[in-house]
PDB file of N, CA and C in Angstrom:
ATOM      1  N   MET A   1       6.768 -33.214 -34.247  1.00  0.00           N
ATOM      2  CA  MET A   1       5.410 -32.752 -34.074  1.00  0.00           C
ATOM      3  C   MET A   1       5.075 -32.607 -32.582  1.00  0.00           C
ATOM      4  N   LEU A   2       5.465 -33.584 -31.786  1.00  0.00           N
ATOM      5  CA  LEU A   2       5.230 -33.515 -30.353  1.00  0.00           C
ATOM      6  C   LEU A   2       5.986 -32.340 -29.744  1.00  0.00           C
ATOM      7  N   GLU A   3       7.173 -32.115 -30.224  1.00  0.00           N
ATOM      8  CA  GLU A   3       7.986 -30.986 -29.741  1.00  0.00           C
ATOM      9  C   GLU A   3       7.315 -29.660 -30.073  1.00  0.00           C
ATOM     10  N   ALA A   4       6.756 -29.559 -31.278  1.00  0.00           N
ATOM     11  CA  ALA A   4       6.064 -28.336 -31.688  1.00  0.00           C
ATOM     12  C   ALA A   4       4.816 -28.125 -30.837  1.00  0.00           C
ATOM     13  N   SER A   5       4.073 -29.171 -30.566  1.00  0.00           N
ATOM     14  CA  SER A   5       2.866 -29.065 -29.738  1.00  0.00           C
ATOM     15  C   SER A   5       3.229 -28.654 -28.314  1.00  0.00           C
ATOM     16  N   LEU A   6       4.298 -29.233 -27.802  1.00  0.00           N
ATOM     17  CA  LEU A   6       4.751 -28.890 -26.460  1.00  0.00           C
ATOM     18  C   LEU A   6       5.185 -27.428 -26.395  1.00  0.00           C
ATOM     19  N   SER A   7       5.866 -26.977 -27.425  1.00  0.00           N
ATOM     20  CA  SER A   7       6.309 -25.584 -27.494  1.00  0.00           C
ATOM     21  C   SER A   7       5.105 -24.634 -27.545  1.00  0.00           C
ATOM     22  N   GLN A   8       4.111 -25.008 -28.343  1.00  0.00           N
ATOM     23  CA  GLN A   8       2.900 -24.187 -28.437  1.00  0.00           C
ATOM     24  C   GLN A   8       2.177 -24.141 -27.082  1.00  0.00           C
ATOM     25  N   LEU A   9       2.114 -25.297 -26.425  1.00  0.00           N
ATOM     26  CA  LEU A   9       1.469 -25.371 -25.118  1.00  0.00           C
ATOM     27  C   LEU A   9       2.198 -24.504 -24.098  1.00  0.00           C
ATOM     28  N   GLU A  10       3.515 -24.537 -24.123  1.00  0.00           N
ATOM     29  CA  GLU A  10       4.305 -23.693 -23.220  1.00  0.00           C
ATOM     30  C   GLU A  10       4.024 -22.223 -23.469  1.00  0.00           C
ATOM     31  N   GLN A  11       3.927 -21.857 -24.754  1.00  0.00           N
ATOM     32  CA  GLN A  11       3.657 -20.453 -25.106  1.00  0.00           C
ATOM     33  C   GLN A  11       2.259 -20.052 -24.640  1.00  0.00           C
ATOM     34  N   LEU A  12       1.284 -20.924 -24.836  1.00  0.00           N
ATOM     35  CA  LEU A  12      -0.084 -20.627 -24.396  1.00  0.00           C
ATOM     36  C   LEU A  12      -0.159 -20.475 -22.880  1.00  0.00           C
ATOM     37  N   VAL A  13       0.513 -21.357 -22.154  1.00  0.00           N
ATOM     38  CA  VAL A  13       0.532 -21.266 -20.695  1.00  0.00           C
ATOM     39  C   VAL A  13       1.199 -19.967 -20.270  1.00  0.00           C
ATOM     40  N   SER A  14       2.294 -19.627 -20.914  1.00  0.00           N
ATOM     41  CA  SER A  14       2.992 -18.381 -20.604  1.00  0.00           C
ATOM     42  C   SER A  14       2.081 -17.171 -20.857  1.00  0.00           C
ATOM     43  N   ASP A  15       1.375 -17.189 -21.981  1.00  0.00           N
ATOM     44  CA  ASP A  15       0.443 -16.095 -22.304  1.00  0.00           C
ATOM     45  C   ASP A  15      -0.670 -16.005 -21.258  1.00  0.00           C
ATOM     46  N   LEU A  16      -1.196 -17.156 -20.857  1.00  0.00           N
ATOM     47  CA  LEU A  16      -2.261 -17.165 -19.856  1.00  0.00           C
ATOM     48  C   LEU A  16      -1.777 -16.646 -18.508  1.00  0.00           C
ATOM     49  N   VAL A  17      -0.564 -17.000 -18.135  1.00  0.00           N
ATOM     50  CA  VAL A  17      -0.006 -16.505 -16.870  1.00  0.00           C
ATOM     51  C   VAL A  17       0.142 -14.989 -16.925  1.00  0.00           C
ATOM     52  N   GLN A  18       0.606 -14.470 -18.047  1.00  0.00           N
ATOM     53  CA  GLN A  18       0.753 -13.016 -18.191  1.00  0.00           C
ATOM     54  C   GLN A  18      -0.611 -12.326 -18.149  1.00  0.00           C
ATOM     55  N   GLN A  19      -1.585 -12.905 -18.839  1.00  0.00           N
ATOM     56  CA  GLN A  19      -2.932 -12.329 -18.814  1.00  0.00           C
ATOM     57  C   GLN A  19      -3.504 -12.360 -17.399  1.00  0.00           C
ATOM     58  N   ASN A  20      -3.270 -13.448 -16.697  1.00  0.00           N
ATOM     59  CA  ASN A  20      -3.752 -13.571 -15.324  1.00  0.00           C
ATOM     60  C   ASN A  20      -3.120 -12.504 -14.432  1.00  0.00           C
ATOM     61  N   GLN A  21      -1.826 -12.290 -14.580  1.00  0.00           N
ATOM     62  CA  GLN A  21      -1.145 -11.266 -13.785  1.00  0.00           C
ATOM     63  C   GLN A  21      -1.691  -9.875 -14.097  1.00  0.00           C
ATOM     64  N   ALA A  22      -1.935  -9.621 -15.377  1.00  0.00           N
ATOM     65  CA  ALA A  22      -2.493  -8.324 -15.760  1.00  0.00           C
ATOM     66  C   ALA A  22      -3.898  -8.149 -15.179  1.00  0.00           C
ATOM     67  N   LEU A  23      -4.696  -9.212 -15.234  1.00  0.00           N
ATOM     68  CA  LEU A  23      -6.056  -9.138 -14.684  1.00  0.00           C
ATOM     69  C   LEU A  23      -6.047  -8.973 -13.174  1.00  0.00           C
ATOM     70  N   LEU A  24      -5.113  -9.648 -12.499  1.00  0.00           N
ATOM     71  CA  LEU A  24      -5.002  -9.482 -11.057  1.00  0.00           C
ATOM     72  C   LEU A  24      -4.633  -8.042 -10.695  1.00  0.00           C
ATOM     73  N   ALA A  25      -3.718  -7.466 -11.452  1.00  0.00           N
ATOM     74  CA  ALA A  25      -3.320  -6.079 -11.196  1.00  0.00           C
ATOM     75  C   ALA A  25      -4.495  -5.134 -11.442  1.00  0.00           C
ATOM     76  N   THR A  26      -5.226  -5.366 -12.520  1.00  0.00           N
ATOM     77  CA  THR A  26      -6.398  -4.538 -12.822  1.00  0.00           C
ATOM     78  C   THR A  26      -7.453  -4.686 -11.734  1.00  0.00           C
ATOM     79  N   ASN A  27      -7.674  -5.918 -11.302  1.00  0.00           N
ATOM     80  CA  ASN A  27      -8.659  -6.178 -10.247  1.00  0.00           C
ATOM     81  C   ASN A  27      -8.265  -5.469  -8.953  1.00  0.00           C
ATOM     82  N   GLN A  28      -7.000  -5.525  -8.607  1.00  0.00           N
ATOM     83  CA  GLN A  28      -6.525  -4.863  -7.392  1.00  0.00           C
ATOM     84  C   GLN A  28      -6.722  -3.349  -7.494  1.00  0.00           C
ATOM     85  N   SER A  29      -6.410  -2.807  -8.656  1.00  0.00           N
ATOM     86  CA  SER A  29      -6.587  -1.374  -8.873  1.00  0.00           C
ATOM     87  C   SER A  29      -8.061  -0.981  -8.783  1.00  0.00           C
ATOM     88  N   LEU A  30      -8.915  -1.790  -9.395  1.00  0.00           N
ATOM     89  CA  LEU A  30     -10.352  -1.497  -9.349  1.00  0.00           C
ATOM     90  C   LEU A  30     -10.910  -1.628  -7.939  1.00  0.00           C
ATOM     91  N   ASN A  31     -10.419  -2.592  -7.178  1.00  0.00           N
ATOM     92  CA  ASN A  31     -10.867  -2.733  -5.792  1.00  0.00           C
ATOM     93  C   ASN A  31     -10.474  -1.523  -4.951  1.00  0.00           C
ATOM     94  N   ALA A  32      -9.259  -1.019  -5.178  1.00  0.00           N
ATOM     95  CA  ALA A  32      -8.815   0.177  -4.458  1.00  0.00           C
ATOM     96  C   ALA A  32      -9.666   1.381  -4.854  1.00  0.00           C
ATOM     97  N   GLU A  33      -9.948   1.493  -6.143  1.00  0.00           N
ATOM     98  CA  GLU A  33     -10.775   2.601  -6.634  1.00  0.00           C
ATOM     99  C   GLU A  33     -12.192   2.494  -6.068  1.00  0.00           C
ATOM    100  N   LEU A  34     -12.719   1.282  -5.999  1.00  0.00           N
ATOM    101  CA  LEU A  34     -14.055   1.071  -5.444  1.00  0.00           C
ATOM    102  C   LEU A  34     -14.102   1.466  -3.968  1.00  0.00           C
ATOM    103  N   ALA A  35     -13.089   1.080  -3.219  1.00  0.00           N
ATOM    104  CA  ALA A  35     -13.041   1.428  -1.795  1.00  0.00           C
ATOM    105  C   ALA A  35     -13.007   2.941  -1.622  1.00  0.00           C
ATOM    106  N   GLN A  36     -12.210   3.618  -2.445  1.00  0.00           N
ATOM    107  CA  GLN A  36     -12.130   5.074  -2.367  1.00  0.00           C
ATOM    108  C   GLN A  36     -13.470   5.705  -2.736  1.00  0.00           C
ATOM    109  N   THR A  37     -14.112   5.178  -3.758  1.00  0.00           N
ATOM    110  CA  THR A  37     -15.403   5.709  -4.188  1.00  0.00           C
ATOM    111  C   THR A  37     -16.462   5.500  -3.116  1.00  0.00           C
ATOM    112  N   LYS A  38     -16.423   4.341  -2.448  1.00  0.00           N
ATOM    113  CA  LYS A  38     -17.373   4.097  -1.354  1.00  0.00           C
ATOM    114  C   LYS A  38     -17.158   5.090  -0.219  1.00  0.00           C
ATOM    115  N   ASP A  39     -15.890   5.368   0.105  1.00  0.00           N
ATOM    116  CA  ASP A  39     -15.597   6.348   1.160  1.00  0.00           C
ATOM    117  C   ASP A  39     -16.115   7.724   0.774  1.00  0.00           C
ATOM    118  N   GLU A  40     -15.884   8.115  -0.483  1.00  0.00           N
ATOM    119  CA  GLU A  40     -16.360   9.415  -0.959  1.00  0.00           C
ATOM    120  C   GLU A  40     -17.882   9.470  -0.922  1.00  0.00           C
ATOM    121  N   ASN A  41     -18.520   8.372  -1.303  1.00  0.00           N
ATOM    122  CA  ASN A  41     -19.986   8.314  -1.293  1.00  0.00           C
ATOM    123  C   ASN A  41     -20.526   8.482   0.119  1.00  0.00           C
ATOM    124  N   GLU A  42     -19.923   7.790   1.074  1.00  0.00           N
ATOM    125  CA  GLU A  42     -20.361   7.915   2.468  1.00  0.00           C
ATOM    126  C   GLU A  42     -20.177   9.346   2.968  1.00  0.00           C
ATOM    127  N   SER A  43     -19.061   9.940   2.598  1.00  0.00           N
ATOM    128  CA  SER A  43     -18.790  11.313   2.998  1.00  0.00           C
ATOM    129  C   SER A  43     -19.821  12.272   2.391  1.00  0.00           C
ATOM    130  N   LEU A  44     -20.132  12.054   1.121  1.00  0.00           N
ATOM    131  CA  LEU A  44     -21.120  12.913   0.460  1.00  0.00           C
ATOM    132  C   LEU A  44     -22.509  12.725   1.061  1.00  0.00           C
ATOM    133  N   GLN A  45     -22.855  11.494   1.411  1.00  0.00           N
ATOM    134  CA  GLN A  45     -24.154  11.256   2.028  1.00  0.00           C
ATOM    135  C   GLN A  45     -24.250  11.937   3.391  1.00  0.00           C
ATOM    136  N   LEU A  46     -23.178  11.877   4.158  1.00  0.00           N
ATOM    137  CA  LEU A  46     -23.148  12.543   5.457  1.00  0.00           C
ATOM    138  C   LEU A  46     -23.272  14.054   5.278  1.00  0.00           C
ATOM    139  N   SER A  47     -22.548  14.575   4.316  1.00  0.00           N
ATOM    140  CA  SER A  47     -22.612  16.006   4.032  1.00  0.00           C
ATOM    141  C   SER A  47     -24.027  16.409   3.607  1.00  0.00           C
ATOM    142  N   LEU A  48     -24.651  15.595   2.794  1.00  0.00           N
ATOM    143  CA  LEU A  48     -26.017  15.879   2.358  1.00  0.00           C
ATOM    144  C   LEU A  48     -26.975  15.896   3.543  1.00  0.00           C
ATOM    145  N   MET A  49     -26.825  14.928   4.437  1.00  0.00           N
ATOM    146  CA  MET A  49     -27.683  14.891   5.620  1.00  0.00           C
ATOM    147  C   MET A  49     -27.495  16.139   6.472  1.00  0.00           C
ATOM    148  N   GLU A  50     -26.247  16.578   6.616  1.00  0.00           N
ATOM    149  CA  GLU A  50     -25.973  17.788   7.390  1.00  0.00           C
ATOM    150  C   GLU A  50     -26.594  19.007   6.724  1.00  0.00           C
ATOM    151  N   GLN A  51     -26.491  19.082   5.395  1.00  0.00           N
ATOM    152  CA  GLN A  51     -27.074  20.214   4.665  1.00  0.00           C
ATOM    153  C   GLN A  51     -28.601  20.204   4.786  1.00  0.00           C
ATOM    154  N   GLU A  52     -29.200  19.009   4.715  1.00  0.00           N
ATOM    155  CA  GLU A  52     -30.655  18.917   4.861  1.00  0.00           C
ATOM    156  C   GLU A  52     -31.083  19.353   6.254  1.00  0.00           C
ATOM    157  N   GLU A  53     -30.277  18.999   7.256  1.00  0.00           N
ATOM    158  CA  GLU A  53     -30.563  19.410   8.624  1.00  0.00           C
ATOM    159  C   GLU A  53     -30.517  20.933   8.742  1.00  0.00           C
ATOM    160  N   LYS A  54     -29.464  21.531   8.196  1.00  0.00           N
ATOM    161  CA  LYS A  54     -29.324  22.992   8.237  1.00  0.00           C
ATOM    162  C   LYS A  54     -30.457  23.662   7.477  1.00  0.00           C
ATOM    163  N   GLN A  55     -30.827  23.093   6.331  1.00  0.00           N
ATOM    164  CA  GLN A  55     -31.909  23.665   5.542  1.00  0.00           C
ATOM    165  C   GLN A  55     -33.216  23.597   6.315  1.00  0.00           C
ATOM    166  N   GLY A  56     -33.451  22.488   6.991  1.00  0.00           N
ATOM    167  CA  GLY A  56     -34.667  22.350   7.794  1.00  0.00           C
ATOM    168  C   GLY A  56     -34.712  23.368   8.916  1.00  0.00           C
ATOM    169  N   ALA A  57     -33.571  23.578   9.575  1.00  0.00           N
ATOM    170  CA  ALA A  57     -33.512  24.560  10.664  1.00  0.00           C
ATOM    171  C   ALA A  57     -33.731  25.967  10.123  1.00  0.00           C
ATOM    172  N   THR A  58     -33.127  26.258   8.979  1.00  0.00           N
ATOM    173  CA  THR A  58     -33.294  27.585   8.369  1.00  0.00           C
ATOM    174  C   THR A  58     -34.738  27.801   7.956  1.00  0.00           C
ATOM    175  N   THR A  59     -35.348  26.783   7.368  1.00  0.00           N
ATOM    176  CA  THR A  59     -36.748  26.883   6.956  1.00  0.00           C
ATOM    177  C   THR A  59     -37.651  27.132   8.165  1.00  0.00           C
ATOM    178  N   ALA A  60     -37.387  26.446   9.251  1.00  0.00           N
ATOM    179  CA  ALA A  60     -38.193  26.637  10.469  1.00  0.00           C
ATOM    180  C   ALA A  60     -38.035  28.054  10.996  1.00  0.00           C
ATOM    181  N   ARG A  61     -36.823  28.584  10.968  1.00  0.00           N
ATOM    182  CA  ARG A  61     -36.604  29.965  11.446  1.00  0.00           C
ATOM    183  C   ARG A  61     -37.322  30.974  10.556  1.00  0.00           C
ATOM    184  N   ILE A  62     -37.251  30.749   9.253  1.00  0.00           N
ATOM    185  CA  ILE A  62     -37.919  31.672   8.321  1.00  0.00           C
ATOM    186  C   ILE A  62     -39.433  31.613   8.529  1.00  0.00           C
ATOM    187  N   GLN A  63     -39.959  30.399   8.675  1.00  0.00           N
ATOM    188  CA  GLN A  63     -41.405  30.270   8.905  1.00  0.00           C
ATOM    189  C   GLN A  63     -41.820  30.958  10.202  1.00  0.00           C
ATOM    190  N   ALA A  64     -41.004  30.832  11.242  1.00  0.00           N
ATOM    191  CA  ALA A  64     -41.316  31.483  12.517  1.00  0.00           C
ATOM    192  C   ALA A  64     -41.299  33.000  12.338  1.00  0.00           C
ATOM    193  N   LEU A  65     -40.343  33.512  11.593  1.00  0.00           N
ATOM    194  CA  LEU A  65     -40.284  34.956  11.344  1.00  0.00           C
ATOM    195  C   LEU A  65     -41.492  35.424  10.547  1.00  0.00           C
ATOM    196  N   VAL A  66     -41.872  34.658   9.525  1.00  0.00           N
ATOM    197  CA  VAL A  66     -43.037  35.025   8.711  1.00  0.00           C
ATOM    198  C   VAL A  66     -44.301  35.013   9.567  1.00  0.00           C
ATOM    199  N   GLU A  67     -44.427  34.018  10.423  1.00  0.00           N
ATOM    200  CA  GLU A  67     -45.598  33.956  11.301  1.00  0.00           C
ATOM    201  C   GLU A  67     -45.615  35.138  12.265  1.00  0.00           C
ATOM    202  N   ARG A  68     -44.422  35.505  12.750  1.00  0.00           N
ATOM    203  CA  ARG A  68     -44.341  36.645  13.656  1.00  0.00           C
ATOM    204  C   ARG A  68     -44.746  37.933  12.963  1.00  0.00           C
ATOM    205  N   VAL A  69     -44.269  38.085  11.740  1.00  0.00           N
ATOM    206  CA  VAL A  69     -44.612  39.290  10.975  1.00  0.00           C
ATOM    207  C   VAL A  69     -46.100  39.284  10.645  1.00  0.00           C
ATOM    208  N   SER A  70     -46.622  38.122  10.294  1.00  0.00           N
ATOM    209  CA  SER A  70     -48.047  38.024   9.945  1.00  0.00           C
ATOM    210  C   SER A  70     -48.937  38.286  11.144  1.00  0.00           C
ATOM    211  N   ALA A  71     -48.479  37.914  12.316  1.00  0.00           N
ATOM    212  CA  ALA A  71     -49.306  38.087  13.523  1.00  0.00           C
ATOM    213  C   ALA A  71     -49.232  39.505  14.059  1.00  0.00           C
ATOM    214  N   SER A  72     -48.218  40.252  13.665  1.00  0.00           N
ATOM    215  CA  SER A  72     -48.085  41.638  14.157  1.00  0.00           C
ATOM    216  C   SER A  72     -49.115  42.531  13.463  1.00  0.00           C
ATOM    217  N   PRO A  73     -49.693  43.453  14.235  1.00  0.00           N
ATOM    218  CA  PRO A  73     -50.630  44.396  13.587  1.00  0.00           C
ATOM    219  C   PRO A  73     -49.856  45.342  12.676  1.00  0.00           C
ATOM    220  N   VAL A  74     -50.476  45.655  11.598  1.00  0.00           N
ATOM    221  CA  VAL A  74     -49.846  46.557  10.636  1.00  0.00           C
ATOM    222  C   VAL A  74     -50.120  47.981  11.087  1.00  0.00           C
ATOM    223  N   SER A  75     -49.052  48.738  11.262  1.00  0.00           N
ATOM    224  CA  SER A  75     -49.238  50.139  11.642  1.00  0.00           C
ATOM    225  C   SER A  75     -48.829  51.019  10.479  1.00  0.00           C
ATOM    226  N   ALA A  76     -49.665  51.982  10.198  1.00  0.00           N
ATOM    227  CA  ALA A  76     -49.366  52.853   9.072  1.00  0.00           C
ATOM    228  C   ALA A  76     -49.194  54.276   9.524  1.00  0.00           C
TER     229      ALA A  76
END
């Protein structure tokens, strides 16, 4: 009976070690994926800021043109 219990305990420990190794590998993979996703997010945020800047500049130019056209006398 003691031998059977010891054998079962060895099997359980072995199973736990395997599960731990699998979880460590999964955790490492997820950490790498998270780091990559954070880099992509930062890149996208920077790109968005640049696009907003360009849009603001374009909007200002269009408004200046509209004001110029509006201020010009209409000749027929």
